[in-house]
PDB file of N, CA and C in Angstrom:
ATOM      1  N   MET A   1       0.846  -1.167   0.000  1.00  0.00           N
ATOM      2  CA  MET A   1       0.000   0.000   0.000  1.00  0.00           C
ATOM      3  C   MET A   1       0.900   1.242   0.000  1.00  0.00           C
ATOM      4  N   THR A   2       0.530   2.224  -0.771  1.00  0.00           N
ATOM      5  CA  THR A   2       1.293   3.459  -0.876  1.00  0.00           C
ATOM      6  C   THR A   2       0.439   4.630  -0.408  1.00  0.00           C
ATOM      7  N   GLY A   3       1.048   5.496   0.396  1.00  0.00           N
ATOM      8  CA  GLY A   3       0.332   6.658   0.896  1.00  0.00           C
ATOM      9  C   GLY A   3       0.465   7.860  -0.031  1.00  0.00           C
ATOM     10  N   THR A   4      -0.087   8.945   0.403  1.00  0.00           N
ATOM     11  CA  THR A   4      -0.098  10.181  -0.377  1.00  0.00           C
ATOM     12  C   THR A   4       1.311  10.627  -0.753  1.00  0.00           C
ATOM     13  N   LEU A   5       2.225  10.591   0.201  1.00  0.00           N
ATOM     14  CA  LEU A   5       3.578  11.069  -0.067  1.00  0.00           C
ATOM     15  C   LEU A   5       4.304  10.163  -1.056  1.00  0.00           C
ATOM     16  N   GLY A   6       4.078   8.868  -0.951  1.00  0.00           N
ATOM     17  CA  GLY A   6       4.661   7.929  -1.908  1.00  0.00           C
ATOM     18  C   GLY A   6       4.125   8.153  -3.314  1.00  0.00           C
ATOM     19  N   ILE A   7       2.850   8.449  -3.407  1.00  0.00           N
ATOM     20  CA  ILE A   7       2.244   8.731  -4.715  1.00  0.00           C
ATOM     21  C   ILE A   7       2.850  10.008  -5.310  1.00  0.00           C
ATOM     22  N   LEU A   8       3.074  11.015  -4.469  1.00  0.00           N
ATOM     23  CA  LEU A   8       3.684  12.255  -4.953  1.00  0.00           C
ATOM     24  C   LEU A   8       5.098  12.002  -5.483  1.00  0.00           C
ATOM     25  N   LEU A   9       5.876  11.197  -4.763  1.00  0.00           N
ATOM     26  CA  LEU A   9       7.221  10.873  -5.225  1.00  0.00           C
ATOM     27  C   LEU A   9       7.178  10.118  -6.556  1.00  0.00           C
ATOM     28  N   PHE A  10       6.254   9.202  -6.679  1.00  0.00           N
ATOM     29  CA  PHE A  10       6.110   8.435  -7.920  1.00  0.00           C
ATOM     30  C   PHE A  10       5.681   9.351  -9.071  1.00  0.00           C
ATOM     31  N   ALA A  11       4.763  10.269  -8.783  1.00  0.00           N
ATOM     32  CA  ALA A  11       4.302  11.209  -9.813  1.00  0.00           C
ATOM     33  C   ALA A  11       5.456  12.083 -10.295  1.00  0.00           C
ATOM     34  N   LYS A  12       6.318  12.495  -9.375  1.00  0.00           N
ATOM     35  CA  LYS A  12       7.473  13.299  -9.793  1.00  0.00           C
ATOM     36  C   LYS A  12       8.416  12.450 -10.641  1.00  0.00           C
ATOM     37  N   HIS A  13       8.643  11.218 -10.221  1.00  0.00           N
ATOM     38  CA  HIS A  13       9.504  10.296 -10.974  1.00  0.00           C
ATOM     39  C   HIS A  13       9.003  10.120 -12.404  1.00  0.00           C
ATOM     40  N   LEU A  14       7.692  10.054 -12.564  1.00  0.00           N
ATOM     41  CA  LEU A  14       7.095   9.885 -13.890  1.00  0.00           C
ATOM     42  C   LEU A  14       7.012  11.188 -14.681  1.00  0.00           C
ATOM     43  N   GLY A  15       7.315  12.302 -14.030  1.00  0.00           N
ATOM     44  CA  GLY A  15       7.247  13.596 -14.698  1.00  0.00           C
ATOM     45  C   GLY A  15       5.847  14.188 -14.739  1.00  0.00           C
ATOM     46  N   LEU A  16       4.955  13.650 -13.906  1.00  0.00           N
ATOM     47  CA  LEU A  16       3.579  14.157 -13.878  1.00  0.00           C
ATOM     48  C   LEU A  16       3.465  15.456 -13.084  1.00  0.00           C
ATOM     49  N   ILE A  17       4.379  15.643 -12.137  1.00  0.00           N
ATOM     50  CA  ILE A  17       4.460  16.903 -11.392  1.00  0.00           C
ATOM     51  C   ILE A  17       5.927  17.330 -11.383  1.00  0.00           C
ATOM     52  N   THR A  18       6.167  18.620 -11.255  1.00  0.00           N
ATOM     53  CA  THR A  18       7.547  19.108 -11.247  1.00  0.00           C
ATOM     54  C   THR A  18       8.055  19.389  -9.839  1.00  0.00           C
ATOM     55  N   SER A  19       7.140  19.577  -8.887  1.00  0.00           N
ATOM     56  CA  SER A  19       7.538  19.930  -7.530  1.00  0.00           C
ATOM     57  C   SER A  19       6.668  19.223  -6.495  1.00  0.00           C
ATOM     58  N   VAL A  20       7.294  18.355  -5.728  1.00  0.00           N
ATOM     59  CA  VAL A  20       6.602  17.717  -4.608  1.00  0.00           C
ATOM     60  C   VAL A  20       6.304  18.759  -3.539  1.00  0.00           C
ATOM     61  N   GLN A  21       7.240  19.677  -3.325  1.00  0.00           N
ATOM     62  CA  GLN A  21       7.076  20.685  -2.289  1.00  0.00           C
ATOM     63  C   GLN A  21       5.837  21.548  -2.513  1.00  0.00           C
ATOM     64  N   GLU A  22       5.578  21.932  -3.742  1.00  0.00           N
ATOM     65  CA  GLU A  22       4.386  22.750  -4.022  1.00  0.00           C
ATOM     66  C   GLU A  22       3.108  22.008  -3.649  1.00  0.00           C
ATOM     67  N   VAL A  23       3.055  20.732  -3.964  1.00  0.00           N
ATOM     68  CA  VAL A  23       1.863  19.941  -3.637  1.00  0.00           C
ATOM     69  C   VAL A  23       1.753  19.763  -2.124  1.00  0.00           C
ATOM     70  N   LEU A  24       2.880  19.502  -1.463  1.00  0.00           N
ATOM     71  CA  LEU A  24       2.861  19.364  -0.004  1.00  0.00           C
ATOM     72  C   LEU A  24       2.370  20.644   0.663  1.00  0.00           C
ATOM     73  N   GLU A  25       2.847  21.779   0.198  1.00  0.00           N
ATOM     74  CA  GLU A  25       2.412  23.061   0.769  1.00  0.00           C
ATOM     75  C   GLU A  25       0.912  23.264   0.567  1.00  0.00           C
ATOM     76  N   ALA A  26       0.401  22.874  -0.584  1.00  0.00           N
ATOM     77  CA  ALA A  26      -1.044  22.987  -0.843  1.00  0.00           C
ATOM     78  C   ALA A  26      -1.824  22.088   0.110  1.00  0.00           C
ATOM     79  N   LEU A  27      -1.324  20.874   0.344  1.00  0.00           N
ATOM     80  CA  LEU A  27      -2.000  19.952   1.268  1.00  0.00           C
ATOM     81  C   LEU A  27      -2.001  20.509   2.689  1.00  0.00           C
ATOM     82  N   ILE A  28      -0.865  21.055   3.108  1.00  0.00           N
ATOM     83  CA  ILE A  28      -0.774  21.639   4.452  1.00  0.00           C
ATOM     84  C   ILE A  28      -1.725  22.821   4.579  1.00  0.00           C
ATOM     85  N   THR A  29      -1.796  23.654   3.555  1.00  0.00           N
ATOM     86  CA  THR A  29      -2.702  24.802   3.555  1.00  0.00           C
ATOM     87  C   THR A  29      -4.150  24.360   3.694  1.00  0.00           C
ATOM     88  N   GLN A  30      -4.463  23.207   3.120  1.00  0.00           N
ATOM     89  CA  GLN A  30      -5.828  22.682   3.190  1.00  0.00           C
ATOM     90  C   GLN A  30      -6.097  21.912   4.480  1.00  0.00           C
ATOM     91  N   GLY A  31      -5.109  21.872   5.391  1.00  0.00           N
ATOM     92  CA  GLY A  31      -5.330  21.258   6.695  1.00  0.00           C
ATOM     93  C   GLY A  31      -4.809  19.839   6.857  1.00  0.00           C
ATOM     94  N   LYS A  32      -4.119  19.293   5.872  1.00  0.00           N
ATOM     95  CA  LYS A  32      -3.565  17.944   5.985  1.00  0.00           C
ATOM     96  C   LYS A  32      -2.320  18.004   6.863  1.00  0.00           C
ATOM     97  N   PRO A  33      -2.319  17.306   7.985  1.00  0.00           N
ATOM     98  CA  PRO A  33      -1.136  17.348   8.847  1.00  0.00           C
ATOM     99  C   PRO A  33      -0.008  16.487   8.268  1.00  0.00           C
ATOM    100  N   ILE A  34       1.178  17.067   8.169  1.00  0.00           N
ATOM    101  CA  ILE A  34       2.341  16.331   7.692  1.00  0.00           C
ATOM    102  C   ILE A  34       3.466  16.567   8.681  1.00  0.00           C
ATOM    103  N   ASN A  35       3.999  15.504   9.220  1.00  0.00           N
ATOM    104  CA  ASN A  35       5.075  15.569  10.182  1.00  0.00           C
ATOM    105  C   ASN A  35       6.272  16.289   9.560  1.00  0.00           C
ATOM    106  N   PRO A  36       6.854  17.283  10.249  1.00  0.00           N
ATOM    107  CA  PRO A  36       7.983  18.041   9.691  1.00  0.00           C
ATOM    108  C   PRO A  36       9.176  17.162   9.298  1.00  0.00           C
ATOM    109  N   ARG A  37       9.444  16.137  10.087  1.00  0.00           N
ATOM    110  CA  ARG A  37      10.557  15.235   9.764  1.00  0.00           C
ATOM    111  C   ARG A  37      10.279  14.467   8.476  1.00  0.00           C
ATOM    112  N   LEU A  38       9.048  13.996   8.334  1.00  0.00           N
ATOM    113  CA  LEU A  38       8.657  13.275   7.128  1.00  0.00           C
ATOM    114  C   LEU A  38       8.665  14.213   5.921  1.00  0.00           C
ATOM    115  N   TYR A  39       8.227  15.443   6.122  1.00  0.00           N
ATOM    116  CA  TYR A  39       8.244  16.467   5.072  1.00  0.00           C
ATOM    117  C   TYR A  39       9.663  16.612   4.518  1.00  0.00           C
ATOM    118  N   GLN A  40      10.646  16.769   5.419  1.00  0.00           N
ATOM    119  CA  GLN A  40      12.044  16.915   5.016  1.00  0.00           C
ATOM    120  C   GLN A  40      12.548  15.668   4.291  1.00  0.00           C
ATOM    121  N   GLU A  41      12.175  14.500   4.804  1.00  0.00           N
ATOM    122  CA  GLU A  41      12.613  13.245   4.194  1.00  0.00           C
ATOM    123  C   GLU A  41      12.066  13.099   2.771  1.00  0.00           C
ATOM    124  N   VAL A  42      10.818  13.460   2.581  1.00  0.00           N
ATOM    125  CA  VAL A  42      10.208  13.373   1.249  1.00  0.00           C
ATOM    126  C   VAL A  42      10.883  14.354   0.289  1.00  0.00           C
ATOM    127  N   LEU A  43      11.140  15.569   0.748  1.00  0.00           N
ATOM    128  CA  LEU A  43      11.826  16.544  -0.116  1.00  0.00           C
ATOM    129  C   LEU A  43      13.225  16.059  -0.479  1.00  0.00           C
ATOM    130  N   SER A  44      13.906  15.454   0.470  1.00  0.00           N
ATOM    131  CA  SER A  44      15.238  14.922   0.210  1.00  0.00           C
ATOM    132  C   SER A  44      15.176  13.804  -0.823  1.00  0.00           C
ATOM    133  N   THR A  45      14.229  12.910  -0.677  1.00  0.00           N
ATOM    134  CA  THR A  45      14.050  11.813  -1.630  1.00  0.00           C
ATOM    135  C   THR A  45      13.717  12.332  -3.012  1.00  0.00           C
ATOM    136  N   ALA A  46      12.948  13.417  -3.060  1.00  0.00           N
ATOM    137  CA  ALA A  46      12.560  14.024  -4.335  1.00  0.00           C
ATOM    138  C   ALA A  46      13.670  14.926  -4.902  1.00  0.00           C
ATOM    139  N   GLN A  47      14.771  15.016  -4.163  1.00  0.00           N
ATOM    140  CA  GLN A  47      15.901  15.888  -4.535  1.00  0.00           C
ATOM    141  C   GLN A  47      15.461  17.352  -4.643  1.00  0.00           C
ATOM    142  N   GLU A  48      14.675  17.760  -3.653  1.00  0.00           N
ATOM    143  CA  GLU A  48      14.230  19.147  -3.536  1.00  0.00           C
ATOM    144  C   GLU A  48      14.692  19.657  -2.184  1.00  0.00           C
ATOM    145  N   SER A  49      14.770  20.949  -2.028  1.00  0.00           N
ATOM    146  CA  SER A  49      15.146  21.527  -0.752  1.00  0.00           C
ATOM    147  C   SER A  49      14.260  22.721  -0.448  1.00  0.00           C
ATOM    148  N   LEU A  50      14.256  23.116   0.810  1.00  0.00           N
ATOM    149  CA  LEU A  50      13.437  24.260   1.228  1.00  0.00           C
ATOM    150  C   LEU A  50      13.898  25.521   0.595  1.00  0.00           C
TER     151      LEU A  50
END
């Protein structure tokens, strides 16, 4: 089973999205809680930085 963050990483890998961070920020703005440590780990995996 894959969660939201895994799907975002896969979408970036496929070239369906250009920025995981932009989508994460939109989710946070809409009230989706994302652990700060996990947020950093996902950005690192996506080769993005703050």
